[in-house]
Amino acid sequence: MRTLFPAASACFVVAFVASIGLAESSIESAPERGDEPKRAELSVAPMDHVTYPDDRPAWIETEPDLQSPVHRWVVTTSGSETMELCEAELEVLKPAAVALYIKETTGWVCDDAMLDPQWIEDELVERRYVGTLQMGDRTLHEIAVELTFDAEDRKRIRRAMNNSVVGERMRATAGLLALGLIGLCLSGGVLGVFSRRYGA
Protein backbone atom coordinates (compact mmCIF):
# COMPACT_ATOMS: atom_id res chain seq x y z
CA MET A 1 0.00 0.00 0.00
CA ARG A 2 2.86 2.32 0.81
CA THR A 3 4.51 1.70 -2.61
CA LEU A 4 1.26 2.11 -4.49
CA PHE A 5 0.53 5.61 -3.14
CA PRO A 6 3.88 7.19 -4.13
CA ALA A 7 3.62 5.67 -7.64
CA ALA A 8 0.11 7.03 -8.11
CA SER A 9 1.23 10.44 -6.92
CA ALA A 10 4.13 10.48 -9.39
CA CYS A 11 1.81 9.57 -12.29
CA PHE A 12 -0.59 12.35 -11.26
CA VAL A 13 2.23 14.93 -11.18
CA VAL A 14 3.52 13.89 -14.63
CA ALA A 15 0.03 14.07 -16.15
CA PHE A 16 -0.60 17.47 -14.58
CA VAL A 17 2.68 18.93 -15.95
CA ALA A 18 2.00 17.50 -19.44
CA SER A 19 -1.50 19.02 -19.52
CA ILE A 20 -0.11 22.46 -18.56
CA GLY A 21 2.53 22.31 -21.36
CA LEU A 22 -0.10 21.30 -23.94
CA ALA A 23 -2.33 24.17 -22.91
CA GLU A 24 0.50 26.72 -23.21
CA SER A 25 1.48 25.49 -26.67
CA SER A 26 -2.12 25.74 -27.83
CA ILE A 27 -2.36 29.31 -26.57
CA GLU A 28 0.89 30.34 -28.34
CA SER A 29 -0.13 28.79 -31.65
CA ALA A 30 -3.59 30.37 -31.70
CA PRO A 31 -3.77 33.73 -33.60
CA GLU A 32 -4.57 36.82 -31.65
CA ARG A 33 -8.02 38.28 -32.10
CA GLY A 34 -6.68 41.59 -33.39
CA ASP A 35 -4.56 39.92 -36.12
CA GLU A 36 -6.23 39.44 -39.49
CA PRO A 37 -4.71 37.73 -42.51
CA LYS A 38 -3.05 40.28 -44.78
CA ARG A 39 -4.44 40.57 -48.27
CA ALA A 40 -2.02 40.30 -51.17
CA GLU A 41 -1.28 43.72 -52.65
CA LEU A 42 -1.76 44.11 -56.38
CA SER A 43 1.34 45.02 -58.37
CA VAL A 44 0.48 48.26 -60.22
CA ALA A 45 3.05 50.12 -62.36
CA PRO A 46 3.65 53.77 -61.41
CA MET A 47 2.00 56.38 -63.59
CA ASP A 48 5.41 57.54 -64.93
CA HIS A 49 6.64 54.02 -65.74
CA VAL A 50 7.43 53.80 -69.48
CA THR A 51 7.13 50.58 -71.48
CA TYR A 52 8.32 50.42 -75.09
CA PRO A 53 7.10 47.94 -77.71
CA ASP A 54 9.27 45.00 -78.68
CA ASP A 55 9.71 46.22 -82.27
CA ARG A 56 11.28 49.56 -81.22
CA PRO A 57 14.62 49.86 -83.11
CA ALA A 58 17.81 49.55 -81.08
CA TRP A 59 19.46 52.53 -82.85
CA ILE A 60 17.18 54.91 -80.96
CA GLU A 61 19.11 54.24 -77.75
CA THR A 62 22.59 54.79 -79.22
CA GLU A 63 24.76 57.65 -78.01
CA PRO A 64 25.98 60.34 -80.45
CA ASP A 65 28.82 58.99 -82.59
CA LEU A 66 31.40 61.65 -83.48
CA GLN A 67 34.28 59.29 -84.25
CA SER A 68 33.09 57.26 -87.24
CA PRO A 69 33.49 58.51 -90.83
CA VAL A 70 29.79 59.39 -90.76
CA HIS A 71 28.75 61.11 -87.55
CA ARG A 72 25.39 60.08 -86.11
CA TRP A 73 23.08 61.89 -83.70
CA VAL A 74 19.67 60.53 -82.62
CA VAL A 75 16.78 62.84 -81.79
CA THR A 76 13.77 61.44 -79.92
CA THR A 77 10.57 63.13 -78.88
CA SER A 78 8.95 62.63 -75.53
CA GLY A 79 5.62 60.84 -75.36
CA SER A 80 2.77 63.00 -76.68
CA GLU A 81 -0.99 62.54 -76.72
CA THR A 82 -1.25 63.20 -80.48
CA MET A 83 0.98 62.76 -83.50
CA GLU A 84 0.64 66.48 -84.26
CA LEU A 85 2.28 67.34 -80.94
CA CYS A 86 5.08 64.88 -81.72
CA GLU A 87 5.72 66.50 -85.11
CA ALA A 88 5.75 69.98 -83.58
CA GLU A 89 8.22 68.89 -80.91
CA LEU A 90 10.44 67.21 -83.49
CA GLU A 91 10.60 70.40 -85.59
CA VAL A 92 12.06 72.15 -82.54
CA LEU A 93 14.41 69.35 -81.53
CA LYS A 94 16.03 68.79 -84.94
CA PRO A 95 17.60 72.26 -85.40
CA ALA A 96 18.52 72.33 -81.71
CA ALA A 97 20.37 69.02 -82.14
CA VAL A 98 22.16 70.29 -85.26
CA ALA A 99 23.22 73.47 -83.45
CA LEU A 100 24.52 71.39 -80.54
CA TYR A 101 26.38 69.08 -82.92
CA ILE A 102 28.06 72.04 -84.64
CA LYS A 103 29.08 73.54 -81.31
CA GLU A 104 30.45 70.20 -80.09
CA THR A 105 32.51 69.57 -83.22
CA THR A 106 33.66 73.08 -84.16
CA GLY A 107 33.04 75.32 -81.14
CA TRP A 108 31.01 77.64 -83.36
CA VAL A 109 27.64 78.93 -82.19
CA CYS A 110 25.90 78.99 -85.56
CA ASP A 111 23.19 81.39 -86.61
CA ASP A 112 19.65 80.52 -87.73
CA ALA A 113 20.64 80.61 -91.41
CA MET A 114 22.65 77.43 -90.87
CA LEU A 115 19.65 75.63 -89.38
CA ASP A 116 17.54 75.44 -92.53
CA PRO A 117 14.70 72.97 -91.84
CA GLN A 118 14.60 71.77 -95.45
CA TRP A 119 18.34 71.06 -95.49
CA ILE A 120 18.07 69.15 -92.22
CA GLU A 121 15.14 67.05 -93.44
CA ASP A 122 16.51 66.33 -96.92
CA GLU A 123 20.22 65.92 -96.21
CA LEU A 124 20.67 64.97 -92.56
CA VAL A 125 17.71 62.74 -91.61
CA GLU A 126 18.79 59.18 -92.37
CA ARG A 127 16.30 57.04 -90.47
CA ARG A 128 12.90 57.70 -88.93
CA TYR A 129 10.78 55.75 -86.46
CA VAL A 130 7.13 56.42 -85.64
CA GLY A 131 5.56 54.40 -82.86
CA THR A 132 3.86 54.36 -79.50
CA LEU A 133 4.87 53.82 -75.90
CA GLN A 134 3.01 52.99 -72.72
CA MET A 135 3.31 55.43 -69.79
CA GLY A 136 1.35 54.04 -66.87
CA ASP A 137 -2.07 53.34 -68.30
CA ARG A 138 -1.73 55.84 -71.18
CA THR A 139 -0.71 55.14 -74.77
CA LEU A 140 1.46 57.96 -76.16
CA HIS A 141 3.05 58.68 -79.54
CA GLU A 142 6.78 58.88 -80.22
CA ILE A 143 8.97 59.89 -83.18
CA ALA A 144 12.72 59.35 -83.47
CA VAL A 145 15.09 60.37 -86.27
CA GLU A 146 18.77 59.71 -86.82
CA LEU A 147 20.79 62.65 -88.11
CA THR A 148 23.92 61.82 -90.09
CA PHE A 149 26.80 64.16 -90.94
CA ASP A 150 29.07 62.87 -93.69
CA ALA A 151 32.21 64.52 -95.05
CA GLU A 152 30.27 66.83 -97.38
CA ASP A 153 27.98 67.99 -94.60
CA ARG A 154 30.94 68.74 -92.38
CA LYS A 155 32.62 70.71 -95.19
CA ARG A 156 29.49 72.78 -95.59
CA ILE A 157 29.48 73.51 -91.87
CA ARG A 158 33.16 74.52 -91.99
CA ARG A 159 32.56 76.85 -94.92
CA ALA A 160 29.63 78.48 -93.19
CA MET A 161 31.72 78.91 -90.04
CA ASN A 162 34.61 80.48 -91.99
CA ASN A 163 32.24 82.80 -93.83
CA SER A 164 30.70 83.81 -90.55
CA VAL A 165 34.13 84.57 -89.05
CA VAL A 166 35.17 86.60 -92.12
CA GLY A 167 31.88 88.49 -92.05
CA GLU A 168 32.33 89.32 -88.38
CA ARG A 169 35.86 90.61 -89.06
CA MET A 170 34.66 92.71 -91.97
CA ARG A 171 31.88 94.18 -89.88
CA ALA A 172 34.37 94.97 -87.11
CA THR A 173 36.74 96.60 -89.62
CA ALA A 174 33.89 98.61 -91.12
CA GLY A 175 32.93 99.79 -87.66
CA LEU A 176 36.47 100.92 -86.94
CA LEU A 177 36.66 102.78 -90.26
CA ALA A 178 33.38 104.50 -89.54
CA LEU A 179 34.62 105.57 -86.14
CA GLY A 180 37.84 106.84 -87.75
CA LEU A 181 35.92 108.91 -90.29
CA ILE A 182 33.71 110.34 -87.60
CA GLY A 183 36.82 111.23 -85.60
CA LEU A 184 38.41 112.95 -88.60
CA CYS A 185 35.28 114.94 -89.29
CA LEU A 186 35.02 116.01 -85.67
CA SER A 187 38.68 116.95 -85.48
CA GLY A 188 38.44 118.90 -88.77
CA GLY A 189 35.46 120.81 -87.47
CA VAL A 190 37.23 121.65 -84.23
CA LEU A 191 40.33 122.85 -86.10
CA GLY A 192 38.17 125.02 -88.34
CA VAL A 193 36.53 126.63 -85.35
CA PHE A 194 39.90 127.35 -83.74
CA SER A 195 41.36 128.75 -86.96
CA ARG A 196 38.47 131.12 -87.48
CA ARG A 197 38.46 132.26 -83.88
CA TYR A 198 42.19 132.87 -83.57
CA GLY A 199 42.84 133.94 -87.16
CA ALA A 200 40.44 136.88 -87.02
C-alpha atoms as a PDB file:
ATOM      1  CA  MET A   1       0.000   0.000   0.000  1.00  0.00           C
ATOM      2  CA  ARG A   2       2.862   2.319   0.806  1.00  0.00           C
ATOM      3  CA  THR A   3       4.507   1.704  -2.609  1.00  0.00           C
ATOM      4  CA  LEU A   4       1.260   2.112  -4.495  1.00  0.00           C
ATOM      5  CA  PHE A   5       0.530   5.612  -3.141  1.00  0.00           C
ATOM      6  CA  PRO A   6       3.878   7.193  -4.131  1.00  0.00           C
ATOM      7  CA  ALA A   7       3.622   5.671  -7.645  1.00  0.00           C
ATOM      8  CA  ALA A   8       0.109   7.034  -8.111  1.00  0.00           C
ATOM      9  CA  SER A   9       1.229  10.436  -6.921  1.00  0.00           C
ATOM     10  CA  ALA A  10       4.133  10.476  -9.391  1.00  0.00           C
ATOM     11  CA  CYS A  11       1.814   9.566 -12.289  1.00  0.00           C
ATOM     12  CA  PHE A  12      -0.590  12.354 -11.256  1.00  0.00           C
ATOM     13  CA  VAL A  13       2.232  14.930 -11.182  1.00  0.00           C
ATOM     14  CA  VAL A  14       3.519  13.890 -14.628  1.00  0.00           C
ATOM     15  CA  ALA A  15       0.028  14.069 -16.153  1.00  0.00           C
ATOM     16  CA  PHE A  16      -0.598  17.471 -14.579  1.00  0.00           C
ATOM     17  CA  VAL A  17       2.682  18.926 -15.951  1.00  0.00           C
ATOM     18  CA  ALA A  18       2.001  17.505 -19.442  1.00  0.00           C
ATOM     19  CA  SER A  19      -1.497  19.023 -19.518  1.00  0.00           C
ATOM     20  CA  ILE A  20      -0.106  22.455 -18.565  1.00  0.00           C
ATOM     21  CA  GLY A  21       2.531  22.311 -21.363  1.00  0.00           C
ATOM     22  CA  LEU A  22      -0.100  21.301 -23.941  1.00  0.00           C
ATOM     23  CA  ALA A  23      -2.333  24.175 -22.908  1.00  0.00           C
ATOM     24  CA  GLU A  24       0.498  26.717 -23.207  1.00  0.00           C
ATOM     25  CA  SER A  25       1.477  25.487 -26.672  1.00  0.00           C
ATOM     26  CA  SER A  26      -2.118  25.744 -27.832  1.00  0.00           C
ATOM     27  CA  ILE A  27      -2.360  29.310 -26.568  1.00  0.00           C
ATOM     28  CA  GLU A  28       0.885  30.345 -28.342  1.00  0.00           C
ATOM     29  CA  SER A  29      -0.134  28.791 -31.650  1.00  0.00           C
ATOM     30  CA  ALA A  30      -3.588  30.371 -31.701  1.00  0.00           C
ATOM     31  CA  PRO A  31      -3.770  33.729 -33.600  1.00  0.00           C
ATOM     32  CA  GLU A  32      -4.572  36.818 -31.646  1.00  0.00           C
ATOM     33  CA  ARG A  33      -8.025  38.281 -32.098  1.00  0.00           C
ATOM     34  CA  GLY A  34      -6.676  41.586 -33.393  1.00  0.00           C
ATOM     35  CA  ASP A  35      -4.562  39.921 -36.121  1.00  0.00           C
ATOM     36  CA  GLU A  36      -6.230  39.442 -39.492  1.00  0.00           C
ATOM     37  CA  PRO A  37      -4.712  37.725 -42.510  1.00  0.00           C
ATOM     38  CA  LYS A  38      -3.047  40.282 -44.777  1.00  0.00           C
ATOM     39  CA  ARG A  39      -4.438  40.567 -48.268  1.00  0.00           C
ATOM     40  CA  ALA A  40      -2.025  40.297 -51.169  1.00  0.00           C
ATOM     41  CA  GLU A  41      -1.281  43.715 -52.645  1.00  0.00           C
ATOM     42  CA  LEU A  42      -1.763  44.111 -56.383  1.00  0.00           C
ATOM     43  CA  SER A  43       1.336  45.020 -58.372  1.00  0.00           C
ATOM     44  CA  VAL A  44       0.482  48.258 -60.223  1.00  0.00           C
ATOM     45  CA  ALA A  45       3.054  50.123 -62.358  1.00  0.00           C
ATOM     46  CA  PRO A  46       3.651  53.774 -61.413  1.00  0.00           C
ATOM     47  CA  MET A  47       1.998  56.382 -63.586  1.00  0.00           C
ATOM     48  CA  ASP A  48       5.409  57.535 -64.932  1.00  0.00           C
ATOM     49  CA  HIS A  49       6.643  54.023 -65.744  1.00  0.00           C
ATOM     50  CA  VAL A  50       7.427  53.800 -69.479  1.00  0.00           C
ATOM     51  CA  THR A  51       7.130  50.585 -71.478  1.00  0.00           C
ATOM     52  CA  TYR A  52       8.321  50.418 -75.090  1.00  0.00           C
ATOM     53  CA  PRO A  53       7.105  47.937 -77.711  1.00  0.00           C
ATOM     54  CA  ASP A  54       9.274  44.996 -78.675  1.00  0.00           C
ATOM     55  CA  ASP A  55       9.710  46.221 -82.267  1.00  0.00           C
ATOM     56  CA  ARG A  56      11.276  49.557 -81.215  1.00  0.00           C
ATOM     57  CA  PRO A  57      14.617  49.859 -83.113  1.00  0.00           C
ATOM     58  CA  ALA A  58      17.814  49.552 -81.085  1.00  0.00           C
ATOM     59  CA  TRP A  59      19.458  52.528 -82.855  1.00  0.00           C
ATOM     60  CA  ILE A  60      17.178  54.908 -80.961  1.00  0.00           C
ATOM     61  CA  GLU A  61      19.111  54.245 -77.747  1.00  0.00           C
ATOM     62  CA  THR A  62      22.586  54.788 -79.217  1.00  0.00           C
ATOM     63  CA  GLU A  63      24.756  57.646 -78.014  1.00  0.00           C
ATOM     64  CA  PRO A  64      25.980  60.337 -80.447  1.00  0.00           C
ATOM     65  CA  ASP A  65      28.820  58.985 -82.589  1.00  0.00           C
ATOM     66  CA  LEU A  66      31.395  61.652 -83.479  1.00  0.00           C
ATOM     67  CA  GLN A  67      34.278  59.290 -84.252  1.00  0.00           C
ATOM     68  CA  SER A  68      33.093  57.258 -87.237  1.00  0.00           C
ATOM     69  CA  PRO A  69      33.493  58.508 -90.834  1.00  0.00           C
ATOM     70  CA  VAL A  70      29.788  59.386 -90.756  1.00  0.00           C
ATOM     71  CA  HIS A  71      28.754  61.114 -87.545  1.00  0.00           C
ATOM     72  CA  ARG A  72      25.388  60.076 -86.106  1.00  0.00           C
ATOM     73  CA  TRP A  73      23.084  61.890 -83.699  1.00  0.00           C
ATOM     74  CA  VAL A  74      19.674  60.527 -82.624  1.00  0.00           C
ATOM     75  CA  VAL A  75      16.781  62.843 -81.792  1.00  0.00           C
ATOM     76  CA  THR A  76      13.774  61.440 -79.922  1.00  0.00           C
ATOM     77  CA  THR A  77      10.570  63.132 -78.885  1.00  0.00           C
ATOM     78  CA  SER A  78       8.952  62.628 -75.528  1.00  0.00           C
ATOM     79  CA  GLY A  79       5.621  60.842 -75.360  1.00  0.00           C
ATOM     80  CA  SER A  80       2.765  62.996 -76.682  1.00  0.00           C
ATOM     81  CA  GLU A  81      -0.986  62.541 -76.721  1.00  0.00           C
ATOM     82  CA  THR A  82      -1.254  63.195 -80.482  1.00  0.00           C
ATOM     83  CA  MET A  83       0.981  62.762 -83.501  1.00  0.00           C
ATOM     84  CA  GLU A  84       0.635  66.476 -84.265  1.00  0.00           C
ATOM     85  CA  LEU A  85       2.282  67.345 -80.944  1.00  0.00           C
ATOM     86  CA  CYS A  86       5.084  64.884 -81.722  1.00  0.00           C
ATOM     87  CA  GLU A  87       5.718  66.498 -85.105  1.00  0.00           C
ATOM     88  CA  ALA A  88       5.750  69.979 -83.583  1.00  0.00           C
ATOM     89  CA  GLU A  89       8.221  68.892 -80.907  1.00  0.00           C
ATOM     90  CA  LEU A  90      10.436  67.210 -83.492  1.00  0.00           C
ATOM     91  CA  GLU A  91      10.598  70.396 -85.589  1.00  0.00           C
ATOM     92  CA  VAL A  92      12.056  72.153 -82.542  1.00  0.00           C
ATOM     93  CA  LEU A  93      14.407  69.347 -81.533  1.00  0.00           C
ATOM     94  CA  LYS A  94      16.029  68.786 -84.939  1.00  0.00           C
ATOM     95  CA  PRO A  95      17.596  72.264 -85.398  1.00  0.00           C
ATOM     96  CA  ALA A  96      18.516  72.326 -81.711  1.00  0.00           C
ATOM     97  CA  ALA A  97      20.365  69.017 -82.137  1.00  0.00           C
ATOM     98  CA  VAL A  98      22.161  70.292 -85.260  1.00  0.00           C
ATOM     99  CA  ALA A  99      23.223  73.465 -83.450  1.00  0.00           C
ATOM    100  CA  LEU A 100      24.520  71.390 -80.542  1.00  0.00           C
ATOM    101  CA  TYR A 101      26.382  69.077 -82.919  1.00  0.00           C
ATOM    102  CA  ILE A 102      28.056  72.044 -84.638  1.00  0.00           C
ATOM    103  CA  LYS A 103      29.079  73.536 -81.307  1.00  0.00           C
ATOM    104  CA  GLU A 104      30.454  70.198 -80.087  1.00  0.00           C
ATOM    105  CA  THR A 105      32.506  69.566 -83.223  1.00  0.00           C
ATOM    106  CA  THR A 106      33.658  73.084 -84.157  1.00  0.00           C
ATOM    107  CA  GLY A 107      33.043  75.315 -81.143  1.00  0.00           C
ATOM    108  CA  TRP A 108      31.005  77.637 -83.365  1.00  0.00           C
ATOM    109  CA  VAL A 109      27.640  78.929 -82.187  1.00  0.00           C
ATOM    110  CA  CYS A 110      25.900  78.994 -85.562  1.00  0.00           C
ATOM    111  CA  ASP A 111      23.188  81.390 -86.614  1.00  0.00           C
ATOM    112  CA  ASP A 112      19.655  80.516 -87.727  1.00  0.00           C
ATOM    113  CA  ALA A 113      20.643  80.613 -91.409  1.00  0.00           C
ATOM    114  CA  MET A 114      22.647  77.431 -90.871  1.00  0.00           C
ATOM    115  CA  LEU A 115      19.651  75.627 -89.379  1.00  0.00           C
ATOM    116  CA  ASP A 116      17.544  75.441 -92.528  1.00  0.00           C
ATOM    117  CA  PRO A 117      14.698  72.969 -91.842  1.00  0.00           C
ATOM    118  CA  GLN A 118      14.596  71.772 -95.448  1.00  0.00           C
ATOM    119  CA  TRP A 119      18.343  71.056 -95.494  1.00  0.00           C
ATOM    120  CA  ILE A 120      18.069  69.153 -92.222  1.00  0.00           C
ATOM    121  CA  GLU A 121      15.140  67.053 -93.436  1.00  0.00           C
ATOM    122  CA  ASP A 122      16.509  66.327 -96.925  1.00  0.00           C
ATOM    123  CA  GLU A 123      20.221  65.923 -96.209  1.00  0.00           C
ATOM    124  CA  LEU A 124      20.673  64.970 -92.556  1.00  0.00           C
ATOM    125  CA  VAL A 125      17.714  62.740 -91.608  1.00  0.00           C
ATOM    126  CA  GLU A 126      18.789  59.177 -92.372  1.00  0.00           C
ATOM    127  CA  ARG A 127      16.295  57.037 -90.466  1.00  0.00           C
ATOM    128  CA  ARG A 128      12.902  57.702 -88.931  1.00  0.00           C
ATOM    129  CA  TYR A 129      10.782  55.753 -86.458  1.00  0.00           C
ATOM    130  CA  VAL A 130       7.132  56.415 -85.640  1.00  0.00           C
ATOM    131  CA  GLY A 131       5.564  54.396 -82.863  1.00  0.00           C
ATOM    132  CA  THR A 132       3.857  54.364 -79.498  1.00  0.00           C
ATOM    133  CA  LEU A 133       4.872  53.825 -75.901  1.00  0.00           C
ATOM    134  CA  GLN A 134       3.006  52.994 -72.716  1.00  0.00           C
ATOM    135  CA  MET A 135       3.310  55.428 -69.793  1.00  0.00           C
ATOM    136  CA  GLY A 136       1.352  54.044 -66.866  1.00  0.00           C
ATOM    137  CA  ASP A 137      -2.066  53.339 -68.302  1.00  0.00           C
ATOM    138  CA  ARG A 138      -1.734  55.844 -71.177  1.00  0.00           C
ATOM    139  CA  THR A 139      -0.706  55.141 -74.768  1.00  0.00           C
ATOM    140  CA  LEU A 140       1.456  57.961 -76.161  1.00  0.00           C
ATOM    141  CA  HIS A 141       3.047  58.675 -79.544  1.00  0.00           C
ATOM    142  CA  GLU A 142       6.781  58.877 -80.220  1.00  0.00           C
ATOM    143  CA  ILE A 143       8.968  59.891 -83.178  1.00  0.00           C
ATOM    144  CA  ALA A 144      12.725  59.348 -83.473  1.00  0.00           C
ATOM    145  CA  VAL A 145      15.093  60.373 -86.268  1.00  0.00           C
ATOM    146  CA  GLU A 146      18.768  59.710 -86.822  1.00  0.00           C
ATOM    147  CA  LEU A 147      20.793  62.647 -88.113  1.00  0.00           C
ATOM    148  CA  THR A 148      23.925  61.821 -90.089  1.00  0.00           C
ATOM    149  CA  PHE A 149      26.801  64.159 -90.940  1.00  0.00           C
ATOM    150  CA  ASP A 150      29.072  62.868 -93.686  1.00  0.00           C
ATOM    151  CA  ALA A 151      32.215  64.524 -95.047  1.00  0.00           C
ATOM    152  CA  GLU A 152      30.266  66.830 -97.384  1.00  0.00           C
ATOM    153  CA  ASP A 153      27.981  67.990 -94.603  1.00  0.00           C
ATOM    154  CA  ARG A 154      30.943  68.739 -92.377  1.00  0.00           C
ATOM    155  CA  LYS A 155      32.618  70.705 -95.191  1.00  0.00           C
ATOM    156  CA  ARG A 156      29.486  72.776 -95.588  1.00  0.00           C
ATOM    157  CA  ILE A 157      29.478  73.510 -91.875  1.00  0.00           C
ATOM    158  CA  ARG A 158      33.160  74.522 -91.989  1.00  0.00           C
ATOM    159  CA  ARG A 159      32.565  76.848 -94.923  1.00  0.00           C
ATOM    160  CA  ALA A 160      29.631  78.477 -93.190  1.00  0.00           C
ATOM    161  CA  MET A 161      31.720  78.911 -90.043  1.00  0.00           C
ATOM    162  CA  ASN A 162      34.607  80.477 -91.990  1.00  0.00           C
ATOM    163  CA  ASN A 163      32.238  82.799 -93.831  1.00  0.00           C
ATOM    164  CA  SER A 164      30.703  83.813 -90.550  1.00  0.00           C
ATOM    165  CA  VAL A 165      34.131  84.570 -89.049  1.00  0.00           C
ATOM    166  CA  VAL A 166      35.165  86.597 -92.123  1.00  0.00           C
ATOM    167  CA  GLY A 167      31.883  88.489 -92.048  1.00  0.00           C
ATOM    168  CA  GLU A 168      32.330  89.315 -88.382  1.00  0.00           C
ATOM    169  CA  ARG A 169      35.858  90.608 -89.059  1.00  0.00           C
ATOM    170  CA  MET A 170      34.655  92.713 -91.970  1.00  0.00           C
ATOM    171  CA  ARG A 171      31.878  94.177 -89.876  1.00  0.00           C
ATOM    172  CA  ALA A 172      34.367  94.965 -87.114  1.00  0.00           C
ATOM    173  CA  THR A 173      36.735  96.597 -89.620  1.00  0.00           C
ATOM    174  CA  ALA A 174      33.890  98.611 -91.118  1.00  0.00           C
ATOM    175  CA  GLY A 175      32.927  99.786 -87.661  1.00  0.00           C
ATOM    176  CA  LEU A 176      36.470 100.923 -86.938  1.00  0.00           C
ATOM    177  CA  LEU A 177      36.658 102.776 -90.259  1.00  0.00           C
ATOM    178  CA  ALA A 178      33.378 104.502 -89.541  1.00  0.00           C
ATOM    179  CA  LEU A 179      34.621 105.570 -86.140  1.00  0.00           C
ATOM    180  CA  GLY A 180      37.845 106.841 -87.750  1.00  0.00           C
ATOM    181  CA  LEU A 181      35.923 108.913 -90.294  1.00  0.00           C
ATOM    182  CA  ILE A 182      33.708 110.345 -87.603  1.00  0.00           C
ATOM    183  CA  GLY A 183      36.816 111.228 -85.598  1.00  0.00           C
ATOM    184  CA  LEU A 184      38.407 112.953 -88.603  1.00  0.00           C
ATOM    185  CA  CYS A 185      35.277 114.945 -89.286  1.00  0.00           C
ATOM    186  CA  LEU A 186      35.016 116.009 -85.665  1.00  0.00           C
ATOM    187  CA  SER A 187      38.685 116.952 -85.477  1.00  0.00           C
ATOM    188  CA  GLY A 188      38.441 118.900 -88.767  1.00  0.00           C
ATOM    189  CA  GLY A 189      35.457 120.807 -87.470  1.00  0.00           C
ATOM    190  CA  VAL A 190      37.226 121.649 -84.227  1.00  0.00           C
ATOM    191  CA  LEU A 191      40.329 122.853 -86.097  1.00  0.00           C
ATOM    192  CA  GLY A 192      38.173 125.021 -88.342  1.00  0.00           C
ATOM    193  CA  VAL A 193      36.530 126.627 -85.351  1.00  0.00           C
ATOM    194  CA  PHE A 194      39.896 127.348 -83.740  1.00  0.00           C
ATOM    195  CA  SER A 195      41.358 128.746 -86.959  1.00  0.00           C
ATOM    196  CA  ARG A 196      38.466 131.119 -87.483  1.00  0.00           C
ATOM    197  CA  ARG A 197      38.457 132.264 -83.877  1.00  0.00           C
ATOM    198  CA  TYR A 198      42.185 132.873 -83.568  1.00  0.00           C
ATOM    199  CA  GLY A 199      42.841 133.941 -87.156  1.00  0.00           C
ATOM    200  CA  ALA A 200      40.435 136.876 -87.018  1.00  0.00           C
END
